Amino acid sequence: MSTAEIKQTKASLIEWINQITDSKTLTAIEALRKKSNNDWWDELSDTQKEHINEGLEDIKAGRVMTSKEMWDSLNQS
């Protein structure tokens, strides 16, 4: 979608929302808005967060390798 198309879609949606009088429809739109504003981090389990944080610590400590190095090590096994 181009920038112009995005702007037109937004304008069209704003106009449509301004005309809605049905509370159920407005509630559904509000729920969608709240859901789309959630931070994906909040949706992760504690275990997933721990694994990500461990990976970030590995990067900080220099415990990294290139993809080629990883594949080469697997092929040597």
N, C-alpha and C. Protein backbone atom coordinates (compact mmCIF):
# COMPACT_ATOMS: atom_id res chain seq x y z
N MET A 1 0.85 -1.17 0.00
CA MET A 1 0.00 0.00 0.00
C MET A 1 0.90 1.24 0.00
N SER A 2 0.65 2.14 -0.91
CA SER A 2 1.45 3.36 -1.02
C SER A 2 1.09 4.33 0.10
N THR A 3 1.92 5.35 0.28
CA THR A 3 1.66 6.37 1.29
C THR A 3 0.33 7.07 1.03
N ALA A 4 0.06 7.36 -0.22
CA ALA A 4 -1.21 8.01 -0.57
C ALA A 4 -2.40 7.10 -0.25
N GLU A 5 -2.25 5.82 -0.54
CA GLU A 5 -3.33 4.86 -0.25
C GLU A 5 -3.56 4.73 1.26
N ILE A 6 -2.48 4.75 2.02
CA ILE A 6 -2.59 4.67 3.48
C ILE A 6 -3.34 5.89 4.01
N LYS A 7 -2.96 7.07 3.52
CA LYS A 7 -3.64 8.30 3.96
C LYS A 7 -5.12 8.26 3.61
N GLN A 8 -5.45 7.80 2.42
CA GLN A 8 -6.84 7.72 1.99
C GLN A 8 -7.61 6.71 2.82
N THR A 9 -7.00 5.59 3.11
CA THR A 9 -7.66 4.57 3.94
C THR A 9 -7.93 5.10 5.34
N LYS A 10 -6.93 5.78 5.91
CA LYS A 10 -7.11 6.37 7.25
C LYS A 10 -8.26 7.38 7.24
N ALA A 11 -8.28 8.25 6.26
CA ALA A 11 -9.33 9.26 6.17
C ALA A 11 -10.70 8.61 6.05
N SER A 12 -10.77 7.58 5.23
CA SER A 12 -12.03 6.87 5.03
C SER A 12 -12.49 6.19 6.32
N LEU A 13 -11.56 5.57 7.04
CA LEU A 13 -11.90 4.92 8.30
C LEU A 13 -12.35 5.94 9.35
N ILE A 14 -11.65 7.06 9.43
CA ILE A 14 -12.02 8.11 10.39
C ILE A 14 -13.43 8.60 10.10
N GLU A 15 -13.73 8.84 8.84
CA GLU A 15 -15.06 9.31 8.45
C GLU A 15 -16.11 8.27 8.83
N TRP A 16 -15.81 7.01 8.55
CA TRP A 16 -16.74 5.92 8.86
C TRP A 16 -16.97 5.80 10.37
N ILE A 17 -15.88 5.85 11.16
CA ILE A 17 -15.99 5.74 12.61
C ILE A 17 -16.81 6.90 13.18
N ASN A 18 -16.61 8.09 12.65
CA ASN A 18 -17.36 9.25 13.12
C ASN A 18 -18.87 9.11 12.91
N GLN A 19 -19.26 8.28 11.97
CA GLN A 19 -20.68 8.11 11.68
C GLN A 19 -21.31 6.93 12.44
N ILE A 20 -20.51 6.12 13.10
CA ILE A 20 -21.04 4.95 13.81
C ILE A 20 -21.81 5.39 15.06
N THR A 21 -23.00 4.83 15.21
CA THR A 21 -23.80 5.11 16.40
C THR A 21 -24.04 3.84 17.22
N ASP A 22 -23.74 2.69 16.64
CA ASP A 22 -23.96 1.41 17.32
C ASP A 22 -22.85 1.16 18.34
N SER A 23 -23.23 1.01 19.60
CA SER A 23 -22.24 0.84 20.67
C SER A 23 -21.47 -0.47 20.54
N LYS A 24 -22.12 -1.52 20.03
CA LYS A 24 -21.42 -2.81 19.88
C LYS A 24 -20.29 -2.70 18.86
N THR A 25 -20.54 -2.00 17.78
CA THR A 25 -19.51 -1.80 16.76
C THR A 25 -18.37 -0.97 17.32
N LEU A 26 -18.69 0.08 18.04
CA LEU A 26 -17.66 0.92 18.65
C LEU A 26 -16.83 0.14 19.67
N THR A 27 -17.49 -0.70 20.45
CA THR A 27 -16.80 -1.53 21.43
C THR A 27 -15.84 -2.49 20.72
N ALA A 28 -16.28 -3.08 19.62
CA ALA A 28 -15.43 -3.99 18.87
C ALA A 28 -14.22 -3.27 18.28
N ILE A 29 -14.43 -2.08 17.78
CA ILE A 29 -13.32 -1.29 17.22
C ILE A 29 -12.34 -0.92 18.33
N GLU A 30 -12.86 -0.54 19.48
CA GLU A 30 -12.01 -0.18 20.61
C GLU A 30 -11.19 -1.39 21.08
N ALA A 31 -11.80 -2.56 21.11
CA ALA A 31 -11.08 -3.78 21.49
C ALA A 31 -9.96 -4.08 20.51
N LEU A 32 -10.22 -3.89 19.23
CA LEU A 32 -9.20 -4.09 18.20
C LEU A 32 -8.06 -3.10 18.38
N ARG A 33 -8.39 -1.86 18.68
CA ARG A 33 -7.36 -0.84 18.90
C ARG A 33 -6.48 -1.20 20.09
N LYS A 34 -7.10 -1.62 21.18
CA LYS A 34 -6.33 -1.99 22.37
C LYS A 34 -5.45 -3.20 22.10
N LYS A 35 -5.98 -4.17 21.38
CA LYS A 35 -5.20 -5.37 21.07
C LYS A 35 -4.00 -5.02 20.20
N SER A 36 -4.18 -4.12 19.26
CA SER A 36 -3.08 -3.78 18.35
C SER A 36 -2.02 -2.93 19.04
N ASN A 37 -2.35 -2.33 20.19
CA ASN A 37 -1.38 -1.52 20.92
C ASN A 37 -0.56 -2.33 21.91
N ASN A 38 -0.87 -3.62 22.07
CA ASN A 38 -0.13 -4.45 23.00
C ASN A 38 1.30 -4.62 22.55
N ASP A 39 2.19 -4.59 23.49
CA ASP A 39 3.60 -4.84 23.23
C ASP A 39 3.80 -6.35 23.13
N TRP A 40 4.42 -6.83 22.06
CA TRP A 40 4.59 -8.27 21.89
C TRP A 40 5.36 -8.88 23.05
N TRP A 41 6.22 -8.11 23.69
CA TRP A 41 6.99 -8.62 24.83
C TRP A 41 6.05 -9.08 25.95
N ASP A 42 4.97 -8.37 26.14
CA ASP A 42 4.02 -8.72 27.19
C ASP A 42 3.29 -10.03 26.90
N GLU A 43 3.29 -10.45 25.66
CA GLU A 43 2.61 -11.69 25.27
C GLU A 43 3.50 -12.92 25.44
N LEU A 44 4.80 -12.72 25.69
CA LEU A 44 5.72 -13.84 25.83
C LEU A 44 5.64 -14.47 27.21
N SER A 45 5.94 -15.76 27.27
CA SER A 45 6.00 -16.43 28.57
C SER A 45 7.29 -16.02 29.28
N ASP A 46 7.36 -16.28 30.58
CA ASP A 46 8.58 -15.97 31.33
C ASP A 46 9.77 -16.73 30.78
N THR A 47 9.55 -17.98 30.37
CA THR A 47 10.63 -18.79 29.80
C THR A 47 11.15 -18.17 28.51
N GLN A 48 10.25 -17.73 27.65
CA GLN A 48 10.66 -17.09 26.40
C GLN A 48 11.47 -15.82 26.67
N LYS A 49 11.01 -15.02 27.63
CA LYS A 49 11.74 -13.80 27.99
C LYS A 49 13.13 -14.13 28.52
N GLU A 50 13.23 -15.19 29.34
CA GLU A 50 14.52 -15.60 29.88
C GLU A 50 15.47 -15.99 28.74
N HIS A 51 14.98 -16.76 27.78
CA HIS A 51 15.82 -17.19 26.66
C HIS A 51 16.29 -16.00 25.83
N ILE A 52 15.42 -15.05 25.60
CA ILE A 52 15.81 -13.85 24.85
C ILE A 52 16.87 -13.08 25.62
N ASN A 53 16.65 -12.90 26.91
CA ASN A 53 17.62 -12.18 27.72
C ASN A 53 18.97 -12.90 27.78
N GLU A 54 18.95 -14.24 27.83
CA GLU A 54 20.19 -15.01 27.79
C GLU A 54 20.93 -14.77 26.47
N GLY A 55 20.18 -14.73 25.38
CA GLY A 55 20.78 -14.47 24.08
C GLY A 55 21.40 -13.08 24.02
N LEU A 56 20.72 -12.11 24.58
CA LEU A 56 21.27 -10.74 24.60
C LEU A 56 22.54 -10.68 25.45
N GLU A 57 22.57 -11.42 26.55
CA GLU A 57 23.78 -11.48 27.37
C GLU A 57 24.92 -12.15 26.61
N ASP A 58 24.61 -13.19 25.84
CA ASP A 58 25.62 -13.84 25.01
C ASP A 58 26.23 -12.85 24.02
N ILE A 59 25.39 -12.04 23.42
CA ILE A 59 25.88 -11.03 22.46
C ILE A 59 26.80 -10.05 23.16
N LYS A 60 26.37 -9.56 24.32
CA LYS A 60 27.19 -8.60 25.07
C LYS A 60 28.53 -9.19 25.46
N ALA A 61 28.54 -10.49 25.77
CA ALA A 61 29.77 -11.16 26.21
C ALA A 61 30.62 -11.64 25.03
N GLY A 62 30.14 -11.43 23.81
CA GLY A 62 30.91 -11.83 22.64
C GLY A 62 30.77 -13.30 22.29
N ARG A 63 29.82 -13.98 22.89
CA ARG A 63 29.60 -15.41 22.60
C ARG A 63 28.67 -15.52 21.39
N VAL A 64 29.22 -15.20 20.22
CA VAL A 64 28.45 -15.22 18.97
C VAL A 64 29.27 -15.90 17.89
N MET A 65 28.58 -16.32 16.84
CA MET A 65 29.25 -16.88 15.66
C MET A 65 28.42 -16.57 14.44
N THR A 66 29.06 -16.57 13.31
CA THR A 66 28.33 -16.32 12.06
C THR A 66 27.52 -17.56 11.71
N SER A 67 26.59 -17.38 10.79
CA SER A 67 25.81 -18.51 10.30
C SER A 67 26.72 -19.56 9.68
N LYS A 68 27.71 -19.11 8.91
CA LYS A 68 28.66 -20.05 8.27
C LYS A 68 29.41 -20.85 9.32
N GLU A 69 29.86 -20.18 10.38
CA GLU A 69 30.58 -20.89 11.44
C GLU A 69 29.68 -21.94 12.10
N MET A 70 28.43 -21.60 12.30
CA MET A 70 27.49 -22.54 12.91
C MET A 70 27.28 -23.77 12.03
N TRP A 71 27.05 -23.53 10.73
CA TRP A 71 26.83 -24.65 9.81
C TRP A 71 28.09 -25.49 9.66
N ASP A 72 29.25 -24.84 9.63
CA ASP A 72 30.51 -25.59 9.54
C ASP A 72 30.69 -26.48 10.76
N SER A 73 30.36 -25.97 11.94
CA SER A 73 30.49 -26.79 13.15
C SER A 73 29.53 -27.97 13.14
N LEU A 74 28.34 -27.79 12.57
CA LEU A 74 27.39 -28.90 12.48
C LEU A 74 27.87 -29.96 11.49
N ASN A 75 28.46 -29.51 10.40
CA ASN A 75 28.95 -30.43 9.38
C ASN A 75 30.16 -31.23 9.84
N GLN A 76 30.89 -30.71 10.83
CA GLN A 76 32.06 -31.43 11.35
C GLN A 76 31.66 -32.53 12.33
N SER A 77 30.46 -32.46 12.85
CA SER A 77 30.03 -33.43 13.86
C SER A 77 29.73 -34.77 13.25
